[in-house]
Protein backbone atom coordinates (compact mmCIF):
# COMPACT_ATOMS: atom_id res chain seq x y z
CA UNK A 1 26.73 -18.13 -56.91
CA UNK A 2 23.02 -17.20 -56.96
CA UNK A 3 22.24 -20.41 -55.14
CA UNK A 4 24.87 -19.67 -52.50
CA UNK A 5 23.52 -16.13 -51.92
CA UNK A 6 19.96 -17.40 -51.67
CA UNK A 7 21.11 -20.15 -49.29
CA UNK A 8 23.04 -17.71 -47.07
CA UNK A 9 20.14 -15.23 -47.06
CA UNK A 10 17.77 -18.02 -46.13
CA UNK A 11 20.08 -19.20 -43.34
CA UNK A 12 20.29 -15.63 -42.03
CA UNK A 13 16.70 -14.43 -42.41
CA UNK A 14 14.78 -17.61 -41.60
CA UNK A 15 15.79 -17.73 -37.90
CA UNK A 16 15.02 -14.01 -37.51
CA UNK A 17 11.64 -14.47 -39.18
CA UNK A 18 10.84 -17.44 -36.95
CA UNK A 19 11.78 -15.50 -33.83
CA UNK A 20 9.61 -12.54 -34.83
CA UNK A 21 6.60 -14.69 -35.65
CA UNK A 22 7.00 -16.91 -32.59
CA UNK A 23 7.03 -13.88 -30.29
CA UNK A 24 3.95 -12.55 -32.07
CA UNK A 25 2.19 -15.88 -31.56
CA UNK A 26 3.13 -15.85 -27.85
CA UNK A 27 1.48 -12.44 -27.57
CA UNK A 28 -1.62 -13.80 -29.26
CA UNK A 29 -1.79 -16.80 -26.96
CA UNK A 30 -1.30 -14.62 -23.89
CA UNK A 31 -4.11 -12.30 -25.01
CA UNK A 32 -6.31 -15.30 -25.79
CA UNK A 33 -5.60 -16.68 -22.29
CA UNK A 34 -6.48 -13.32 -20.72
CA UNK A 35 -9.75 -13.29 -22.70
CA UNK A 36 -10.47 -16.84 -21.54
CA UNK A 37 -9.99 -15.76 -17.92
CA UNK A 38 -12.15 -12.65 -18.38
CA UNK A 39 -14.84 -14.81 -19.92
CA UNK A 40 -15.07 -16.93 -16.78
CA UNK A 41 -12.68 -19.82 -17.40
CA UNK A 42 -9.63 -19.16 -15.21
CA UNK A 43 -8.68 -22.87 -15.14
CA UNK A 44 -8.20 -22.95 -18.89
CA UNK A 45 -6.50 -19.53 -18.85
CA UNK A 46 -4.07 -20.76 -16.20
CA UNK A 47 -3.16 -23.84 -18.25
CA UNK A 48 -2.64 -21.63 -21.32
CA UNK A 49 -0.42 -19.13 -19.48
CA UNK A 50 1.71 -21.45 -17.35
CA UNK A 51 3.87 -22.93 -20.15
CA UNK A 52 4.50 -19.44 -21.54
CA UNK A 53 5.34 -18.12 -18.07
CA UNK A 54 7.80 -20.97 -17.55
CA UNK A 55 9.42 -20.09 -20.89
CA UNK A 56 10.01 -16.55 -19.61
CA UNK A 57 7.17 -14.54 -21.17
CA UNK A 58 6.70 -11.55 -18.81
CA UNK A 59 3.03 -10.97 -19.72
CA UNK A 60 2.27 -14.63 -18.98
CA UNK A 61 4.30 -14.45 -15.75
CA UNK A 62 2.26 -11.43 -14.69
CA UNK A 63 -0.99 -13.23 -15.47
CA UNK A 64 0.11 -16.31 -13.52
CA UNK A 65 1.07 -14.05 -10.59
CA UNK A 66 -2.44 -12.63 -10.47
CA UNK A 67 -4.02 -16.07 -10.72
CA UNK A 68 -1.93 -17.38 -7.81
CA UNK A 69 -2.61 -14.22 -5.78
CA UNK A 70 -6.37 -14.51 -6.22
CA UNK A 71 -6.66 -18.30 -6.37
CA UNK A 72 -8.30 -18.21 -9.80
CA UNK A 73 -7.76 -21.34 -11.88
CA UNK A 74 -5.30 -22.68 -9.33
CA UNK A 75 -4.79 -22.91 -5.59
CA UNK A 76 -4.22 -19.54 -3.96
CA UNK A 77 -0.50 -19.29 -3.20
CA UNK A 78 0.89 -15.85 -2.36
CA UNK A 79 4.48 -17.14 -2.30
CA UNK A 80 4.19 -18.37 -5.90
CA UNK A 81 2.38 -15.14 -6.78
CA UNK A 82 5.31 -13.05 -5.52
CA UNK A 83 7.75 -15.35 -7.32
CA UNK A 84 5.95 -14.74 -10.63
CA UNK A 85 5.53 -11.00 -10.00
CA UNK A 86 9.31 -10.84 -9.47
CA UNK A 87 10.04 -12.85 -12.61
CA UNK A 88 7.81 -10.56 -14.66
CA UNK A 89 9.29 -7.43 -13.07
CA UNK A 90 12.84 -8.63 -13.62
CA UNK A 91 11.91 -9.14 -17.28
CA UNK A 92 10.80 -5.51 -17.53
CA UNK A 93 7.03 -5.79 -16.92
CA UNK A 94 6.16 -2.32 -15.59
CA UNK A 95 2.87 -3.20 -13.92
CA UNK A 96 4.55 -6.09 -12.09
CA UNK A 97 7.20 -3.64 -10.82
CA UNK A 98 4.48 -1.27 -9.65
CA UNK A 99 2.46 -4.04 -7.98
CA UNK A 100 5.53 -5.24 -6.09
CA UNK A 101 6.17 -1.67 -4.93
CA UNK A 102 2.59 -1.39 -3.76
CA UNK A 103 2.69 -4.75 -1.97
CA UNK A 104 5.90 -3.87 -0.14
CA UNK A 105 4.62 -0.40 0.73
CA UNK A 106 1.32 -1.66 2.12
CA UNK A 107 2.45 -5.00 3.53
CA UNK A 108 -0.18 -6.74 1.39
CA UNK A 109 0.79 -10.42 0.81
CA UNK A 110 4.40 -9.66 1.83
CA UNK A 111 6.09 -8.28 4.91
CA UNK A 112 6.06 -4.48 4.70
CA UNK A 113 9.41 -3.22 3.48
CA UNK A 114 9.62 0.38 2.34
CA UNK A 115 13.14 -0.04 0.92
CA UNK A 116 11.88 -2.78 -1.41
CA UNK A 117 8.89 -0.61 -2.29
CA UNK A 118 11.28 2.18 -3.29
CA UNK A 119 13.33 -0.25 -5.39
CA UNK A 120 10.35 -1.49 -7.42
CA UNK A 121 8.61 1.89 -7.73
CA UNK A 122 11.86 3.48 -8.84
CA UNK A 123 12.45 0.90 -11.56
CA UNK A 124 8.96 1.42 -12.98
CA UNK A 125 9.00 5.21 -12.51
CA UNK A 126 12.29 5.61 -14.38
CA UNK A 127 10.66 3.76 -17.28
CA UNK A 128 7.72 6.17 -17.32
CA UNK A 129 5.07 4.35 -15.25
CA UNK A 130 3.12 7.28 -13.82
CA UNK A 131 1.47 5.44 -10.90
CA UNK A 132 4.92 4.33 -9.72
CA UNK A 133 6.12 7.94 -9.95
CA UNK A 134 3.30 8.93 -7.61
CA UNK A 135 4.06 6.12 -5.16
CA UNK A 136 7.76 6.94 -5.19
CA UNK A 137 6.95 10.59 -4.57
CA UNK A 138 5.06 9.66 -1.44
CA UNK A 139 7.89 7.53 -0.10
CA UNK A 140 10.47 10.28 -0.64
CA UNK A 141 8.18 13.01 0.67
CA UNK A 142 7.53 11.05 3.88
CA UNK A 143 10.95 9.45 4.25
CA UNK A 144 9.74 5.87 4.03
CA UNK A 145 12.46 3.48 2.88
CA UNK A 146 14.68 6.39 1.88
CA UNK A 147 16.05 9.49 3.52
CA UNK A 148 13.26 12.05 3.68
CA UNK A 149 13.54 14.48 0.79
CA UNK A 150 10.46 16.59 0.17
CA UNK A 151 11.95 18.17 -2.97
CA UNK A 152 12.55 14.79 -4.60
CA UNK A 153 9.07 13.71 -3.49
CA UNK A 154 7.52 16.83 -5.04
CA UNK A 155 9.46 16.26 -8.25
CA UNK A 156 8.06 12.73 -8.57
CA UNK A 157 4.52 13.93 -7.75
CA UNK A 158 4.80 16.60 -10.45
CA UNK A 159 6.27 14.21 -12.98
CA UNK A 160 3.42 11.79 -12.33
CA UNK A 161 0.85 14.57 -12.73
CA UNK A 162 2.48 15.75 -15.96
CA UNK A 163 2.33 12.16 -17.22
CA UNK A 164 -1.44 12.32 -16.73
CA UNK A 165 -1.90 10.18 -13.61
CA UNK A 166 -5.22 11.43 -12.24
CA UNK A 167 -4.56 10.92 -8.49
CA UNK A 168 -1.29 12.86 -8.87
CA UNK A 169 -3.05 15.65 -10.75
CA UNK A 170 -5.64 15.90 -7.98
CA UNK A 171 -2.98 15.75 -5.26
CA UNK A 172 -0.86 18.46 -6.89
CA UNK A 173 -3.90 20.70 -7.41
CA UNK A 174 -5.02 20.23 -3.80
CA UNK A 175 -1.47 20.74 -2.50
CA UNK A 176 -1.11 23.99 -4.47
CA UNK A 177 -4.03 25.41 -2.49
CA UNK A 178 -2.02 24.64 0.65
CA UNK A 179 1.13 26.35 -0.61
CA UNK A 180 2.79 23.50 -2.49
CA UNK A 181 4.99 25.09 -5.14
CA UNK A 182 6.50 23.61 -8.28
């Protein structure tokens, strides 16, 4: 009976342990790849990140997106960059969500589309990403991609400022001098 319990425990806990340690090692490899890129070897960093990105690692997907966007370690390819930003964002990577919102708001590397900017900012903002809160506030306040709603815009600006986002803090402080109320 002891053998059976040990065997069943091993069959149960071993896969969980392997999953935990494999995800930890992915994180280590991703960080090592980022360090490699920062230290001036984007080619090697790209080849370290790509297999992880293809396996669905959102941090690696985000890194690959940047490398394609800038042409570091690979050919510059904004279409592949957007593809990897979207993969990372769809996997919950907050900065990727924010970057997509910013790209669609500004028309940088994609066709300007305020509705898509709202979508990505909103996803990141609802998860607490303060820069996305600020961007979303601006879109609501000005009616870009959504029906204009200054109150909702103000609420997002204030939430961003309360979260500590410096541009939002400055904006709210400046706006208060012009009669902006909470």
